[in-house]
Amino acid sequence: DLPTGYRVLVVFRPDCKFCLESMPFYGELLGIDGGSKRLAFVTPHGQELATRQALPLGSSAALVLGADFRKNRFVATPMILRIDKEQRVRAIWRGTLGGSEEGRVRQLLREGDPGG
């Protein structure tokens, strides 16, 4: 379970080339007002430290959670999940995002509570 208020999950592997290439975007998301309280990183169990080390400088407040990728059916990384108040997945973005997709994720974080 996620702590209350988190609405965007980044499914991330520290050994994933595309995850690392997307890191500037994730750093930008964390910098949005309140972003670090609404965005969490999910990484395979045992890789939490490596993921934290891959995050941009100044991201020490980011929440990094370990998860069983097989059990949770996380088959591709990077993947961004929009989560509602009941912690149900409402939208999924897979791979490296384009400009309009990045804009939608930014908007979700700025809204603070996308509802649903």
C-alpha atoms as a PDB file:
ATOM      1  CA  ASP A   1       0.000   0.000   0.000  1.00  0.00           C
ATOM      2  CA  LEU A   2       1.065   3.525  -0.761  1.00  0.00           C
ATOM      3  CA  PRO A   3       1.024   6.297   1.789  1.00  0.00           C
ATOM      4  CA  THR A   4      -1.916   8.683   1.366  1.00  0.00           C
ATOM      5  CA  GLY A   5      -1.593  11.291  -1.360  1.00  0.00           C
ATOM      6  CA  TYR A   6       0.642   9.483  -3.841  1.00  0.00           C
ATOM      7  CA  ARG A   7      -0.947   9.558  -7.289  1.00  0.00           C
ATOM      8  CA  VAL A   8       1.870   8.763  -9.737  1.00  0.00           C
ATOM      9  CA  LEU A   9       4.164   5.732  -9.646  1.00  0.00           C
ATOM     10  CA  VAL A  10       7.300   5.404 -11.747  1.00  0.00           C
ATOM     11  CA  VAL A  11       8.154   1.733 -12.255  1.00  0.00           C
ATOM     12  CA  PHE A  12      11.916   1.835 -12.576  1.00  0.00           C
ATOM     13  CA  ARG A  13      14.928  -0.459 -12.843  1.00  0.00           C
ATOM     14  CA  PRO A  14      18.348   1.062 -12.130  1.00  0.00           C
ATOM     15  CA  ASP A  15      19.853  -1.131 -14.875  1.00  0.00           C
ATOM     16  CA  CYS A  16      17.327  -0.002 -17.518  1.00  0.00           C
ATOM     17  CA  LYS A  17      18.829   2.232 -20.216  1.00  0.00           C
ATOM     18  CA  PHE A  18      15.506   3.914 -20.981  1.00  0.00           C
ATOM     19  CA  CYS A  19      14.796   4.506 -17.289  1.00  0.00           C
ATOM     20  CA  LEU A  20      18.125   6.269 -16.900  1.00  0.00           C
ATOM     21  CA  GLU A  21      17.572   8.301 -20.084  1.00  0.00           C
ATOM     22  CA  SER A  22      14.212   9.444 -18.638  1.00  0.00           C
ATOM     23  CA  MET A  23      15.807  10.579 -15.366  1.00  0.00           C
ATOM     24  CA  PRO A  24      15.867  14.307 -16.254  1.00  0.00           C
ATOM     25  CA  PHE A  25      12.082  14.158 -16.719  1.00  0.00           C
ATOM     26  CA  TYR A  26      11.621  12.347 -13.391  1.00  0.00           C
ATOM     27  CA  GLY A  27      13.807  14.963 -11.711  1.00  0.00           C
ATOM     28  CA  GLU A  28      11.593  17.660 -13.198  1.00  0.00           C
ATOM     29  CA  LEU A  29       8.496  15.892 -11.813  1.00  0.00           C
ATOM     30  CA  LEU A  30      10.037  15.741  -8.357  1.00  0.00           C
ATOM     31  CA  GLY A  31      10.707  19.488  -8.594  1.00  0.00           C
ATOM     32  CA  ILE A  32       7.045  20.363  -9.225  1.00  0.00           C
ATOM     33  CA  ASP A  33       5.560  21.916  -6.102  1.00  0.00           C
ATOM     34  CA  GLY A  34       4.520  18.954  -3.966  1.00  0.00           C
ATOM     35  CA  GLY A  35       5.758  16.468  -6.568  1.00  0.00           C
ATOM     36  CA  SER A  36       7.882  14.535  -4.094  1.00  0.00           C
ATOM     37  CA  LYS A  37       4.748  13.947  -1.990  1.00  0.00           C
ATOM     38  CA  ARG A  38       2.690  12.652  -4.918  1.00  0.00           C
ATOM     39  CA  LEU A  39       5.222  10.696  -6.987  1.00  0.00           C
ATOM     40  CA  ALA A  40       6.888   7.464  -5.874  1.00  0.00           C
ATOM     41  CA  PHE A  41       9.396   5.162  -7.543  1.00  0.00           C
ATOM     42  CA  VAL A  42       8.792   1.419  -7.557  1.00  0.00           C
ATOM     43  CA  THR A  43      11.828  -0.775  -8.106  1.00  0.00           C
ATOM     44  CA  PRO A  44      12.515  -4.506  -7.772  1.00  0.00           C
ATOM     45  CA  HIS A  45      13.036  -5.688  -4.188  1.00  0.00           C
ATOM     46  CA  GLY A  46      16.697  -5.297  -3.250  1.00  0.00           C
ATOM     47  CA  GLN A  47      17.363  -2.494  -5.755  1.00  0.00           C
ATOM     48  CA  GLU A  48      16.031   0.392  -3.668  1.00  0.00           C
ATOM     49  CA  LEU A  49      19.508   1.773  -2.871  1.00  0.00           C
ATOM     50  CA  ALA A  50      20.664   1.572  -6.497  1.00  0.00           C
ATOM     51  CA  THR A  51      17.481   3.351  -7.581  1.00  0.00           C
ATOM     52  CA  ARG A  52      17.923   6.077  -4.974  1.00  0.00           C
ATOM     53  CA  GLN A  53      21.513   6.580  -6.193  1.00  0.00           C
ATOM     54  CA  ALA A  54      20.285   6.943  -9.795  1.00  0.00           C
ATOM     55  CA  LEU A  55      17.854   9.735  -8.905  1.00  0.00           C
ATOM     56  CA  PRO A  56      18.863  13.332  -9.653  1.00  0.00           C
ATOM     57  CA  LEU A  57      20.700  15.285  -6.980  1.00  0.00           C
ATOM     58  CA  GLY A  58      18.287  16.920  -4.567  1.00  0.00           C
ATOM     59  CA  SER A  59      15.812  14.042  -4.780  1.00  0.00           C
ATOM     60  CA  SER A  60      16.500  12.684  -1.325  1.00  0.00           C
ATOM     61  CA  ALA A  61      12.852  13.155  -0.313  1.00  0.00           C
ATOM     62  CA  ALA A  62      11.642  10.855  -3.091  1.00  0.00           C
ATOM     63  CA  LEU A  63       9.805   7.754  -1.951  1.00  0.00           C
ATOM     64  CA  VAL A  64      11.417   4.565  -3.302  1.00  0.00           C
ATOM     65  CA  LEU A  65       9.525   1.316  -2.761  1.00  0.00           C
ATOM     66  CA  GLY A  66      10.650  -2.239  -3.449  1.00  0.00           C
ATOM     67  CA  ALA A  67       8.159  -4.556  -5.138  1.00  0.00           C
ATOM     68  CA  ASP A  68       7.866  -8.012  -6.632  1.00  0.00           C
ATOM     69  CA  PHE A  69       7.718  -7.130 -10.332  1.00  0.00           C
ATOM     70  CA  ARG A  70       6.445 -10.554 -11.377  1.00  0.00           C
ATOM     71  CA  LYS A  71       3.626 -10.584  -8.808  1.00  0.00           C
ATOM     72  CA  ASN A  72       2.581  -7.023  -9.735  1.00  0.00           C
ATOM     73  CA  ARG A  73       2.870  -7.740 -13.474  1.00  0.00           C
ATOM     74  CA  PHE A  74       5.415  -5.000 -14.091  1.00  0.00           C
ATOM     75  CA  VAL A  75       6.763  -6.367 -17.370  1.00  0.00           C
ATOM     76  CA  ALA A  76       8.248  -3.217 -18.890  1.00  0.00           C
ATOM     77  CA  THR A  77      10.284  -0.317 -17.613  1.00  0.00           C
ATOM     78  CA  PRO A  78      10.050   2.548 -17.432  1.00  0.00           C
ATOM     79  CA  MET A  79       6.333   2.676 -16.790  1.00  0.00           C
ATOM     80  CA  ILE A  80       4.291   5.435 -15.181  1.00  0.00           C
ATOM     81  CA  LEU A  81       1.036   4.592 -13.428  1.00  0.00           C
ATOM     82  CA  ARG A  82      -1.692   7.035 -12.439  1.00  0.00           C
ATOM     83  CA  ILE A  83      -3.280   5.886  -9.184  1.00  0.00           C
ATOM     84  CA  ASP A  84      -6.639   7.024  -7.803  1.00  0.00           C
ATOM     85  CA  LYS A  85      -7.640   7.574  -4.157  1.00  0.00           C
ATOM     86  CA  GLU A  86      -8.489   3.889  -3.772  1.00  0.00           C
ATOM     87  CA  GLN A  87      -5.057   2.974  -5.198  1.00  0.00           C
ATOM     88  CA  ARG A  88      -6.480   1.602  -8.425  1.00  0.00           C
ATOM     89  CA  VAL A  89      -4.538   2.098 -11.646  1.00  0.00           C
ATOM     90  CA  ARG A  90      -6.339   4.619 -13.873  1.00  0.00           C
ATOM     91  CA  ALA A  91      -3.749   5.186 -16.619  1.00  0.00           C
ATOM     92  CA  ILE A  92      -0.494   3.633 -17.774  1.00  0.00           C
ATOM     93  CA  TRP A  93       2.299   5.113 -19.849  1.00  0.00           C
ATOM     94  CA  ARG A  94       5.026   2.703 -21.012  1.00  0.00           C
ATOM     95  CA  GLY A  95       8.511   3.470 -22.249  1.00  0.00           C
ATOM     96  CA  THR A  96      10.129   6.810 -22.890  1.00  0.00           C
ATOM     97  CA  LEU A  97       7.398   9.451 -23.085  1.00  0.00           C
ATOM     98  CA  GLY A  98       6.881  12.060 -25.782  1.00  0.00           C
ATOM     99  CA  GLY A  99       6.086  15.723 -25.178  1.00  0.00           C
ATOM    100  CA  SER A 100       2.292  15.444 -24.906  1.00  0.00           C
ATOM    101  CA  GLU A 101       2.502  12.418 -22.610  1.00  0.00           C
ATOM    102  CA  GLU A 102       5.041  14.193 -20.389  1.00  0.00           C
ATOM    103  CA  GLY A 103       2.690  17.187 -20.276  1.00  0.00           C
ATOM    104  CA  ARG A 104      -0.175  15.006 -19.048  1.00  0.00           C
ATOM    105  CA  VAL A 105       1.952  13.547 -16.236  1.00  0.00           C
ATOM    106  CA  ARG A 106       3.093  17.057 -15.221  1.00  0.00           C
ATOM    107  CA  GLN A 107      -0.548  18.157 -15.132  1.00  0.00           C
ATOM    108  CA  LEU A 108      -1.494  15.229 -12.859  1.00  0.00           C
ATOM    109  CA  LEU A 109       1.181  16.200 -10.369  1.00  0.00           C
ATOM    110  CA  ARG A 110       0.227  19.870 -10.434  1.00  0.00           C
ATOM    111  CA  GLU A 111      -3.435  19.021  -9.816  1.00  0.00           C
ATOM    112  CA  GLY A 112      -2.403  17.350  -6.590  1.00  0.00           C
ATOM    113  CA  ASP A 113      -5.422  15.080  -6.540  1.00  0.00           C
ATOM    114  CA  PRO A 114      -6.485  13.839  -9.956  1.00  0.00           C
ATOM    115  CA  GLY A 115      -9.537  12.246  -8.353  1.00  0.00           C
ATOM    116  CA  GLY A 116     -11.190   9.182  -9.720  1.00  0.00           C
END
